[in-house]
PDB file of N, CA and C in Angstrom:
ATOM      1  N   MET A   1       8.233 -81.300 -65.795  1.00  0.00           N
ATOM      2  CA  MET A   1       8.864 -82.075 -64.568  1.00  0.00           C
ATOM      3  C   MET A   1       7.976 -83.238 -64.519  1.00  0.00           C
ATOM      4  N   ASN A   2       8.781 -83.365 -62.914  1.00  0.00           N
ATOM      5  CA  ASN A   2       7.846 -84.676 -62.648  1.00  0.00           C
ATOM      6  C   ASN A   2       7.885 -84.814 -61.496  1.00  0.00           C
ATOM      7  N   GLY A   3       8.675 -83.254 -61.128  1.00  0.00           N
ATOM      8  CA  GLY A   3       7.872 -83.189 -59.602  1.00  0.00           C
ATOM      9  C   GLY A   3       9.037 -84.363 -58.794  1.00  0.00           C
ATOM     10  N   ALA A   4       9.931 -84.428 -59.254  1.00  0.00           N
ATOM     11  CA  ALA A   4      11.657 -84.669 -58.923  1.00  0.00           C
ATOM     12  C   ALA A   4      12.273 -83.400 -58.236  1.00  0.00           C
ATOM     13  N   LYS A   5      12.785 -83.444 -57.218  1.00  0.00           N
ATOM     14  CA  LYS A   5      14.002 -82.392 -56.586  1.00  0.00           C
ATOM     15  C   LYS A   5      14.919 -82.555 -58.277  1.00  0.00           C
ATOM     16  N   MET A   6      15.076 -80.885 -58.586  1.00  0.00           N
ATOM     17  CA  MET A   6      15.987 -80.856 -59.206  1.00  0.00           C
ATOM     18  C   MET A   6      17.983 -81.633 -58.396  1.00  0.00           C
ATOM     19  N   ASN A   7      18.730 -81.535 -59.622  1.00  0.00           N
ATOM     20  CA  ASN A   7      20.390 -82.346 -59.745  1.00  0.00           C
ATOM     21  C   ASN A   7      20.727 -80.493 -59.605  1.00  0.00           C
ATOM     22  N   SER A   8      21.175 -80.249 -57.630  1.00  0.00           N
ATOM     23  CA  SER A   8      22.038 -79.177 -57.207  1.00  0.00           C
ATOM     24  C   SER A   8      23.564 -79.085 -57.897  1.00  0.00           C
ATOM     25  N   ILE A   9      23.991 -79.630 -58.642  1.00  0.00           N
ATOM     26  CA  ILE A   9      25.096 -79.308 -59.414  1.00  0.00           C
ATOM     27  C   ILE A   9      24.875 -78.978 -60.291  1.00  0.00           C
ATOM     28  N   THR A  10      24.610 -79.083 -61.707  1.00  0.00           N
ATOM     29  CA  THR A  10      23.885 -78.645 -63.147  1.00  0.00           C
ATOM     30  C   THR A  10      22.554 -77.656 -62.778  1.00  0.00           C
ATOM     31  N   GLU A  11      22.110 -77.589 -62.613  1.00  0.00           N
ATOM     32  CA  GLU A  11      21.225 -76.834 -61.282  1.00  0.00           C
ATOM     33  C   GLU A  11      21.014 -75.860 -60.837  1.00  0.00           C
ATOM     34  N   GLY A  12      20.437 -75.000 -60.968  1.00  0.00           N
ATOM     35  CA  GLY A  12      20.226 -73.447 -59.384  1.00  0.00           C
ATOM     36  C   GLY A  12      18.761 -73.070 -59.758  1.00  0.00           C
ATOM     37  N   ARG A  13      19.167 -72.334 -58.990  1.00  0.00           N
ATOM     38  CA  ARG A  13      18.174 -71.313 -58.607  1.00  0.00           C
ATOM     39  C   ARG A  13      18.090 -69.461 -58.887  1.00  0.00           C
ATOM     40  N   LEU A  14      18.406 -68.949 -59.671  1.00  0.00           N
ATOM     41  CA  LEU A  14      18.286 -67.224 -59.659  1.00  0.00           C
ATOM     42  C   LEU A  14      17.371 -66.707 -59.128  1.00  0.00           C
ATOM     43  N   HIS A  15      17.905 -65.875 -57.862  1.00  0.00           N
ATOM     44  CA  HIS A  15      16.903 -64.697 -57.886  1.00  0.00           C
ATOM     45  C   HIS A  15      17.659 -63.459 -58.424  1.00  0.00           C
ATOM     46  N   ALA A  16      16.534 -62.662 -58.478  1.00  0.00           N
ATOM     47  CA  ALA A  16      16.665 -61.224 -59.611  1.00  0.00           C
ATOM     48  C   ALA A  16      16.486 -60.353 -59.242  1.00  0.00           C
ATOM     49  N   LYS A  17      16.997 -59.306 -59.190  1.00  0.00           N
ATOM     50  CA  LYS A  17      16.262 -57.507 -59.336  1.00  0.00           C
ATOM     51  C   LYS A  17      16.957 -57.115 -60.191  1.00  0.00           C
ATOM     52  N   VAL A  18      15.726 -56.595 -60.964  1.00  0.00           N
ATOM     53  CA  VAL A  18      16.590 -55.718 -61.821  1.00  0.00           C
ATOM     54  C   VAL A  18      15.585 -54.164 -62.220  1.00  0.00           C
ATOM     55  N   LYS A  19      16.579 -52.798 -61.891  1.00  0.00           N
ATOM     56  CA  LYS A  19      16.120 -51.695 -61.715  1.00  0.00           C
ATOM     57  C   LYS A  19      16.443 -51.029 -62.933  1.00  0.00           C
ATOM     58  N   GLY A  20      15.718 -49.877 -63.305  1.00  0.00           N
ATOM     59  CA  GLY A  20      16.072 -49.342 -64.298  1.00  0.00           C
ATOM     60  C   GLY A  20      14.658 -49.369 -64.604  1.00  0.00           C
ATOM     61  N   ARG A  21      14.615 -48.769 -66.067  1.00  0.00           N
ATOM     62  CA  ARG A  21      13.192 -48.526 -67.298  1.00  0.00           C
ATOM     63  C   ARG A  21      12.565 -49.549 -67.233  1.00  0.00           C
ATOM     64  N   VAL A  22      11.976 -50.604 -66.414  1.00  0.00           N
ATOM     65  CA  VAL A  22      11.911 -51.695 -66.729  1.00  0.00           C
ATOM     66  C   VAL A  22      10.449 -52.439 -66.371  1.00  0.00           C
ATOM     67  N   GLN A  23       9.594 -50.836 -66.106  1.00  0.00           N
ATOM     68  CA  GLN A  23       7.887 -51.794 -66.179  1.00  0.00           C
ATOM     69  C   GLN A  23       7.203 -50.714 -67.003  1.00  0.00           C
ATOM     70  N   GLY A  24       6.760 -51.050 -67.574  1.00  0.00           N
ATOM     71  CA  GLY A  24       5.891 -50.300 -68.722  1.00  0.00           C
ATOM     72  C   GLY A  24       6.045 -50.863 -70.105  1.00  0.00           C
ATOM     73  N   VAL A  25       7.426 -51.545 -70.059  1.00  0.00           N
ATOM     74  CA  VAL A  25       8.009 -51.422 -71.092  1.00  0.00           C
ATOM     75  C   VAL A  25       8.319 -53.199 -72.291  1.00  0.00           C
ATOM     76  N   GLY A  26       7.298 -53.860 -71.908  1.00  0.00           N
ATOM     77  CA  GLY A  26       7.257 -54.726 -72.091  1.00  0.00           C
ATOM     78  C   GLY A  26       8.476 -55.804 -71.220  1.00  0.00           C
ATOM     79  N   PHE A  27       8.592 -54.868 -70.071  1.00  0.00           N
ATOM     80  CA  PHE A  27      10.186 -55.912 -69.709  1.00  0.00           C
ATOM     81  C   PHE A  27       9.600 -57.508 -69.588  1.00  0.00           C
ATOM     82  N   ARG A  28       8.465 -57.861 -68.861  1.00  0.00           N
ATOM     83  CA  ARG A  28       8.190 -58.899 -67.744  1.00  0.00           C
ATOM     84  C   ARG A  28       7.919 -59.955 -68.862  1.00  0.00           C
ATOM     85  N   TYR A  29       7.165 -59.360 -69.959  1.00  0.00           N
ATOM     86  CA  TYR A  29       6.936 -60.381 -70.746  1.00  0.00           C
ATOM     87  C   TYR A  29       8.280 -60.966 -72.026  1.00  0.00           C
ATOM     88  N   TYR A  30       9.263 -60.002 -72.072  1.00  0.00           N
ATOM     89  CA  TYR A  30      10.323 -60.392 -72.573  1.00  0.00           C
ATOM     90  C   TYR A  30      11.437 -61.359 -71.447  1.00  0.00           C
ATOM     91  N   VAL A  31      11.428 -61.233 -69.957  1.00  0.00           N
ATOM     92  CA  VAL A  31      11.876 -61.956 -69.541  1.00  0.00           C
ATOM     93  C   VAL A  31      10.976 -63.425 -69.426  1.00  0.00           C
ATOM     94  N   MET A  32       9.510 -63.954 -69.969  1.00  0.00           N
ATOM     95  CA  MET A  32       9.298 -64.700 -69.809  1.00  0.00           C
ATOM     96  C   MET A  32       9.666 -65.737 -70.939  1.00  0.00           C
ATOM     97  N   ASN A  33       9.634 -64.666 -71.873  1.00  0.00           N
ATOM     98  CA  ASN A  33      10.164 -65.881 -73.584  1.00  0.00           C
ATOM     99  C   ASN A  33      10.885 -66.101 -73.801  1.00  0.00           C
ATOM    100  N   ALA A  34      12.316 -65.151 -73.151  1.00  0.00           N
ATOM    101  CA  ALA A  34      13.726 -66.378 -72.665  1.00  0.00           C
ATOM    102  C   ALA A  34      13.402 -66.943 -72.076  1.00  0.00           C
ATOM    103  N   ALA A  35      13.160 -66.921 -70.836  1.00  0.00           N
ATOM    104  CA  ALA A  35      13.588 -68.321 -70.128  1.00  0.00           C
ATOM    105  C   ALA A  35      12.644 -69.623 -70.304  1.00  0.00           C
ATOM    106  N   VAL A  36      11.570 -69.260 -71.112  1.00  0.00           N
ATOM    107  CA  VAL A  36      10.629 -69.971 -72.117  1.00  0.00           C
ATOM    108  C   VAL A  36      11.428 -70.537 -72.893  1.00  0.00           C
ATOM    109  N   GLU A  37      12.415 -70.255 -73.934  1.00  0.00           N
ATOM    110  CA  GLU A  37      13.448 -70.496 -74.166  1.00  0.00           C
ATOM    111  C   GLU A  37      14.359 -71.558 -74.197  1.00  0.00           C
ATOM    112  N   LEU A  38      15.314 -70.803 -72.935  1.00  0.00           N
ATOM    113  CA  LEU A  38      16.085 -71.528 -72.380  1.00  0.00           C
ATOM    114  C   LEU A  38      15.297 -72.859 -71.598  1.00  0.00           C
ATOM    115  N   GLY A  39      13.982 -73.030 -71.267  1.00  0.00           N
ATOM    116  CA  GLY A  39      13.547 -73.791 -70.635  1.00  0.00           C
ATOM    117  C   GLY A  39      13.623 -74.381 -69.128  1.00  0.00           C
ATOM    118  N   LEU A  40      13.216 -72.391 -68.593  1.00  0.00           N
ATOM    119  CA  LEU A  40      13.920 -72.450 -67.229  1.00  0.00           C
ATOM    120  C   LEU A  40      11.990 -72.524 -66.306  1.00  0.00           C
ATOM    121  N   THR A  41      11.610 -72.694 -64.748  1.00  0.00           N
ATOM    122  CA  THR A  41      10.836 -72.251 -64.464  1.00  0.00           C
ATOM    123  C   THR A  41      11.107 -71.427 -63.897  1.00  0.00           C
ATOM    124  N   GLY A  42       9.644 -71.338 -63.552  1.00  0.00           N
ATOM    125  CA  GLY A  42       9.984 -70.152 -62.433  1.00  0.00           C
ATOM    126  C   GLY A  42       9.015 -68.812 -62.208  1.00  0.00           C
ATOM    127  N   TRP A  43       9.326 -67.475 -61.972  1.00  0.00           N
ATOM    128  CA  TRP A  43       8.718 -66.576 -62.324  1.00  0.00           C
ATOM    129  C   TRP A  43       9.310 -64.846 -62.487  1.00  0.00           C
ATOM    130  N   VAL A  44       8.627 -63.786 -62.901  1.00  0.00           N
ATOM    131  CA  VAL A  44       8.413 -62.801 -63.250  1.00  0.00           C
ATOM    132  C   VAL A  44       7.486 -61.623 -62.439  1.00  0.00           C
ATOM    133  N   ARG A  45       8.280 -61.201 -61.999  1.00  0.00           N
ATOM    134  CA  ARG A  45       7.281 -59.381 -61.835  1.00  0.00           C
ATOM    135  C   ARG A  45       7.213 -58.393 -61.202  1.00  0.00           C
ATOM    136  N   ASN A  46       6.624 -57.567 -61.380  1.00  0.00           N
ATOM    137  CA  ASN A  46       6.367 -55.873 -61.666  1.00  0.00           C
ATOM    138  C   ASN A  46       6.819 -56.003 -59.080  1.00  0.00           C
ATOM    139  N   ARG A  47       7.549 -54.450 -59.214  1.00  0.00           N
ATOM    140  CA  ARG A  47       8.122 -54.627 -57.485  1.00  0.00           C
ATOM    141  C   ARG A  47       7.293 -53.174 -57.423  1.00  0.00           C
ATOM    142  N   ARG A  48       6.198 -52.723 -56.622  1.00  0.00           N
ATOM    143  CA  ARG A  48       6.225 -51.627 -56.164  1.00  0.00           C
ATOM    144  C   ARG A  48       6.888 -50.208 -56.125  1.00  0.00           C
ATOM    145  N   ASP A  49       8.085 -51.002 -55.635  1.00  0.00           N
ATOM    146  CA  ASP A  49       9.708 -50.112 -55.697  1.00  0.00           C
ATOM    147  C   ASP A  49       9.654 -49.869 -57.171  1.00  0.00           C
ATOM    148  N   GLY A  50       9.127 -50.394 -58.410  1.00  0.00           N
ATOM    149  CA  GLY A  50      10.193 -49.712 -59.790  1.00  0.00           C
ATOM    150  C   GLY A  50      11.032 -51.360 -60.422  1.00  0.00           C
ATOM    151  N   SER A  51      10.849 -51.630 -59.628  1.00  0.00           N
ATOM    152  CA  SER A  51      11.916 -52.722 -60.261  1.00  0.00           C
ATOM    153  C   SER A  51      11.244 -54.163 -60.856  1.00  0.00           C
ATOM    154  N   VAL A  52      12.007 -55.326 -61.366  1.00  0.00           N
ATOM    155  CA  VAL A  52      11.043 -56.049 -61.951  1.00  0.00           C
ATOM    156  C   VAL A  52      11.864 -57.869 -61.021  1.00  0.00           C
ATOM    157  N   GLU A  53      11.032 -58.953 -60.372  1.00  0.00           N
ATOM    158  CA  GLU A  53      11.871 -59.752 -59.245  1.00  0.00           C
ATOM    159  C   GLU A  53      12.220 -60.674 -60.366  1.00  0.00           C
ATOM    160  N   VAL A  54      12.834 -61.556 -60.705  1.00  0.00           N
ATOM    161  CA  VAL A  54      13.213 -62.633 -61.585  1.00  0.00           C
ATOM    162  C   VAL A  54      13.051 -63.544 -60.466  1.00  0.00           C
ATOM    163  N   LEU A  55      12.347 -64.468 -60.606  1.00  0.00           N
ATOM    164  CA  LEU A  55      12.864 -66.494 -59.786  1.00  0.00           C
ATOM    165  C   LEU A  55      13.371 -66.957 -60.693  1.00  0.00           C
ATOM    166  N   ALA A  56      14.044 -68.186 -61.368  1.00  0.00           N
ATOM    167  CA  ALA A  56      14.349 -68.896 -62.460  1.00  0.00           C
ATOM    168  C   ALA A  56      15.059 -69.970 -61.469  1.00  0.00           C
ATOM    169  N   GLU A  57      14.343 -71.332 -62.001  1.00  0.00           N
ATOM    170  CA  GLU A  57      15.368 -72.349 -62.029  1.00  0.00           C
ATOM    171  C   GLU A  57      15.385 -73.360 -62.872  1.00  0.00           C
ATOM    172  N   GLY A  58      16.785 -74.088 -63.168  1.00  0.00           N
ATOM    173  CA  GLY A  58      16.838 -74.846 -64.163  1.00  0.00           C
ATOM    174  C   GLY A  58      18.006 -74.837 -64.672  1.00  0.00           C
ATOM    175  N   ASP A  59      19.136 -75.620 -65.609  1.00  0.00           N
ATOM    176  CA  ASP A  59      21.051 -75.584 -65.656  1.00  0.00           C
ATOM    177  C   ASP A  59      21.026 -74.438 -65.583  1.00  0.00           C
ATOM    178  N   LEU A  60      22.482 -74.606 -65.185  1.00  0.00           N
ATOM    179  CA  LEU A  60      23.059 -73.381 -64.642  1.00  0.00           C
ATOM    180  C   LEU A  60      23.441 -72.628 -65.913  1.00  0.00           C
ATOM    181  N   ASP A  61      23.603 -73.048 -67.223  1.00  0.00           N
ATOM    182  CA  ASP A  61      24.291 -72.908 -68.233  1.00  0.00           C
ATOM    183  C   ASP A  61      22.827 -71.330 -68.657  1.00  0.00           C
ATOM    184  N   HIS A  62      22.129 -72.344 -68.703  1.00  0.00           N
ATOM    185  CA  HIS A  62      21.110 -71.234 -68.851  1.00  0.00           C
ATOM    186  C   HIS A  62      20.079 -70.522 -68.235  1.00  0.00           C
ATOM    187  N   ILE A  63      20.708 -70.852 -67.032  1.00  0.00           N
ATOM    188  CA  ILE A  63      20.593 -69.206 -65.919  1.00  0.00           C
ATOM    189  C   ILE A  63      21.176 -68.260 -66.312  1.00  0.00           C
ATOM    190  N   LYS A  64      22.985 -68.417 -66.378  1.00  0.00           N
ATOM    191  CA  LYS A  64      23.823 -67.705 -66.799  1.00  0.00           C
ATOM    192  C   LYS A  64      23.523 -66.816 -68.478  1.00  0.00           C
ATOM    193  N   SER A  65      22.095 -67.731 -69.321  1.00  0.00           N
ATOM    194  CA  SER A  65      21.719 -67.033 -70.493  1.00  0.00           C
ATOM    195  C   SER A  65      21.118 -66.364 -69.899  1.00  0.00           C
ATOM    196  N   LEU A  66      20.110 -66.145 -68.994  1.00  0.00           N
ATOM    197  CA  LEU A  66      18.886 -65.736 -68.841  1.00  0.00           C
ATOM    198  C   LEU A  66      19.904 -63.920 -67.376  1.00  0.00           C
ATOM    199  N   VAL A  67      20.893 -64.157 -67.310  1.00  0.00           N
ATOM    200  CA  VAL A  67      20.829 -62.813 -66.633  1.00  0.00           C
ATOM    201  C   VAL A  67      21.715 -62.298 -67.709  1.00  0.00           C
ATOM    202  N   ARG A  68      22.689 -62.805 -67.959  1.00  0.00           N
ATOM    203  CA  ARG A  68      22.271 -61.602 -69.813  1.00  0.00           C
ATOM    204  C   ARG A  68      21.477 -61.206 -70.487  1.00  0.00           C
ATOM    205  N   ALA A  69      20.382 -61.778 -71.078  1.00  0.00           N
ATOM    206  CA  ALA A  69      19.654 -61.459 -71.227  1.00  0.00           C
ATOM    207  C   ALA A  69      18.581 -60.313 -70.556  1.00  0.00           C
ATOM    208  N   LEU A  70      18.578 -60.400 -69.350  1.00  0.00           N
ATOM    209  CA  LEU A  70      18.495 -59.327 -68.552  1.00  0.00           C
ATOM    210  C   LEU A  70      19.120 -58.446 -67.844  1.00  0.00           C
ATOM    211  N   GLU A  71      20.353 -58.502 -67.934  1.00  0.00           N
ATOM    212  CA  GLU A  71      21.377 -57.201 -68.664  1.00  0.00           C
ATOM    213  C   GLU A  71      20.921 -56.352 -69.800  1.00  0.00           C
ATOM    214  N   ARG A  72      20.780 -57.673 -70.719  1.00  0.00           N
ATOM    215  CA  ARG A  72      20.626 -56.623 -71.521  1.00  0.00           C
ATOM    216  C   ARG A  72      19.358 -55.995 -71.869  1.00  0.00           C
ATOM    217  N   GLY A  73      18.117 -56.687 -71.027  1.00  0.00           N
ATOM    218  CA  GLY A  73      16.996 -55.682 -70.978  1.00  0.00           C
ATOM    219  C   GLY A  73      16.032 -55.789 -72.605  1.00  0.00           C
ATOM    220  N   SER A  74      15.179 -55.894 -72.976  1.00  0.00           N
ATOM    221  CA  SER A  74      14.038 -55.433 -73.577  1.00  0.00           C
ATOM    222  C   SER A  74      14.193 -54.467 -74.736  1.00  0.00           C
ATOM    223  N   ARG A  75      14.161 -54.086 -75.930  1.00  0.00           N
ATOM    224  CA  ARG A  75      14.175 -53.270 -76.734  1.00  0.00           C
ATOM    225  C   ARG A  75      14.165 -51.884 -75.843  1.00  0.00           C
ATOM    226  N   SER A  76      12.452 -52.320 -75.161  1.00  0.00           N
ATOM    227  CA  SER A  76      11.746 -50.091 -75.627  1.00  0.00           C
ATOM    228  C   SER A  76      12.281 -50.569 -73.712  1.00  0.00           C
ATOM    229  N   SER A  77      13.601 -50.847 -72.921  1.00  0.00           N
ATOM    230  CA  SER A  77      14.147 -51.093 -71.718  1.00  0.00           C
ATOM    231  C   SER A  77      15.143 -50.243 -71.646  1.00  0.00           C
ATOM    232  N   ALA A  78      15.369 -50.169 -70.129  1.00  0.00           N
ATOM    233  CA  ALA A  78      16.845 -49.745 -69.431  1.00  0.00           C
ATOM    234  C   ALA A  78      17.551 -49.981 -68.579  1.00  0.00           C
ATOM    235  N   VAL A  79      18.312 -50.820 -69.048  1.00  0.00           N
ATOM    236  CA  VAL A  79      18.125 -51.593 -67.354  1.00  0.00           C
ATOM    237  C   VAL A  79      19.353 -50.548 -67.034  1.00  0.00           C
ATOM    238  N   ARG A  80      19.621 -50.117 -65.278  1.00  0.00           N
ATOM    239  CA  ARG A  80      20.732 -49.841 -64.653  1.00  0.00           C
ATOM    240  C   ARG A  80      21.736 -51.345 -63.449  1.00  0.00           C
ATOM    241  N   GLU A  81      20.460 -51.910 -63.474  1.00  0.00           N
ATOM    242  CA  GLU A  81      21.005 -52.486 -62.203  1.00  0.00           C
ATOM    243  C   GLU A  81      20.450 -54.144 -62.090  1.00  0.00           C
ATOM    244  N   VAL A  82      21.159 -54.779 -62.530  1.00  0.00           N
ATOM    245  CA  VAL A  82      20.738 -57.073 -61.979  1.00  0.00           C
ATOM    246  C   VAL A  82      21.284 -56.999 -60.846  1.00  0.00           C
ATOM    247  N   LYS A  83      20.754 -56.992 -59.866  1.00  0.00           N
ATOM    248  CA  LYS A  83      21.217 -58.061 -58.359  1.00  0.00           C
ATOM    249  C   LYS A  83      20.688 -59.226 -58.348  1.00  0.00           C
ATOM    250  N   THR A  84      21.972 -60.436 -58.242  1.00  0.00           N
ATOM    251  CA  THR A  84      21.458 -62.079 -58.649  1.00  0.00           C
ATOM    252  C   THR A  84      22.078 -62.669 -57.713  1.00  0.00           C
ATOM    253  N   ARG A  85      21.555 -63.097 -56.762  1.00  0.00           N
ATOM    254  CA  ARG A  85      21.463 -64.618 -56.154  1.00  0.00           C
ATOM    255  C   ARG A  85      22.063 -65.772 -56.874  1.00  0.00           C
ATOM    256  N   LEU A  86      22.424 -66.978 -56.864  1.00  0.00           N
ATOM    257  CA  LEU A  86      21.930 -68.286 -56.944  1.00  0.00           C
ATOM    258  C   LEU A  86      22.368 -69.092 -55.734  1.00  0.00           C
ATOM    259  N   GLN A  87      20.991 -69.948 -55.975  1.00  0.00           N
ATOM    260  CA  GLN A  87      20.666 -71.038 -54.931  1.00  0.00           C
ATOM    261  C   GLN A  87      20.403 -72.158 -55.567  1.00  0.00           C
ATOM    262  N   PRO A  88      20.921 -73.369 -54.475  1.00  0.00           N
ATOM    263  CA  PRO A  88      20.247 -74.530 -55.161  1.00  0.00           C
ATOM    264  C   PRO A  88      18.441 -74.581 -55.470  1.00  0.00           C
ATOM    265  N   ALA A  89      18.426 -74.999 -55.947  1.00  0.00           N
ATOM    266  CA  ALA A  89      16.961 -75.426 -56.978  1.00  0.00           C
ATOM    267  C   ALA A  89      15.695 -76.241 -56.418  1.00  0.00           C
ATOM    268  N   SER A  90      14.814 -76.060 -56.102  1.00  0.00           N
ATOM    269  CA  SER A  90      13.821 -76.566 -55.050  1.00  0.00           C
ATOM    270  C   SER A  90      13.077 -78.012 -56.122  1.00  0.00           C
ATOM    271  N   GLY A  91      13.205 -76.991 -57.609  1.00  0.00           N
ATOM    272  CA  GLY A  91      12.548 -78.221 -58.305  1.00  0.00           C
ATOM    273  C   GLY A  91      10.502 -77.782 -58.272  1.00  0.00           C
ATOM    274  N   GLU A  92      10.184 -77.134 -57.848  1.00  0.00           N
ATOM    275  CA  GLU A  92       8.924 -76.067 -56.941  1.00  0.00           C
ATOM    276  C   GLU A  92       7.558 -76.082 -57.786  1.00  0.00           C
ATOM    277  N   PHE A  93       8.461 -75.476 -59.409  1.00  0.00           N
ATOM    278  CA  PHE A  93       7.917 -75.104 -60.634  1.00  0.00           C
ATOM    279  C   PHE A  93       7.992 -75.935 -61.524  1.00  0.00           C
ATOM    280  N   ASP A  94       6.515 -76.080 -62.990  1.00  0.00           N
ATOM    281  CA  ASP A  94       6.588 -77.133 -63.857  1.00  0.00           C
ATOM    282  C   ASP A  94       6.736 -75.668 -65.031  1.00  0.00           C
ATOM    283  N   SER A  95       6.348 -75.191 -65.027  1.00  0.00           N
ATOM    284  CA  SER A  95       6.250 -73.594 -66.021  1.00  0.00           C
ATOM    285  C   SER A  95       7.188 -72.516 -65.339  1.00  0.00           C
ATOM    286  N   PHE A  96       7.358 -71.608 -66.000  1.00  0.00           N
ATOM    287  CA  PHE A  96       7.642 -69.843 -66.466  1.00  0.00           C
ATOM    288  C   PHE A  96       6.602 -68.991 -66.177  1.00  0.00           C
ATOM    289  N   PHE A  97       6.053 -68.000 -65.808  1.00  0.00           N
ATOM    290  CA  PHE A  97       5.074 -67.399 -65.684  1.00  0.00           C
ATOM    291  C   PHE A  97       5.331 -66.086 -64.842  1.00  0.00           C
ATOM    292  N   VAL A  98       3.972 -65.098 -65.191  1.00  0.00           N
ATOM    293  CA  VAL A  98       3.978 -64.143 -64.608  1.00  0.00           C
ATOM    294  C   VAL A  98       3.398 -62.945 -63.874  1.00  0.00           C
ATOM    295  N   ARG A  99       3.617 -63.851 -62.157  1.00  0.00           N
ATOM    296  CA  ARG A  99       3.156 -62.755 -60.977  1.00  0.00           C
ATOM    297  C   ARG A  99       2.360 -61.600 -60.842  1.00  0.00           C
ATOM    298  N   PRO A 100       1.387 -61.363 -60.103  1.00  0.00           N
ATOM    299  CA  PRO A 100       0.876 -60.153 -60.165  1.00  0.00           C
ATOM    300  C   PRO A 100       1.938 -59.519 -58.901  1.00  0.00           C
ATOM    301  N   THR A 101       2.201 -58.039 -59.435  1.00  0.00           N
ATOM    302  CA  THR A 101       3.662 -56.953 -58.995  1.00  0.00           C
ATOM    303  C   THR A 101       2.753 -57.021 -57.195  1.00  0.00           C
ATOM    304  N   LEU A 102       3.694 -56.873 -56.715  1.00  0.00           N
ATOM    305  CA  LEU A 102       3.703 -57.365 -54.977  1.00  0.00           C
ATOM    306  C   LEU A 102       4.510 -55.716 -54.342  1.00  0.00           C
TER     307      LEU A 102
END
């Protein structure tokens, strides 16, 4: 991206918290690969409470696809719950990456 603000009508920002067996099973890398394939930017990280947090920005249809991927989960995971919040995109990220545990 060139640092310009994203179009808030066709682009959005997803903040999600995923609960279940989602740590120690490759879930963050599953999310990162899905987000990169969809052309989304942002990050994913484990949280000390056992959940995984996702912040992703991009095309709203691609965000919806990512939410479906979160609900489906990786091969070794067992997703119990996905809480999502959609906000206007900020355009602050240039890529999608794994952040350290919080």
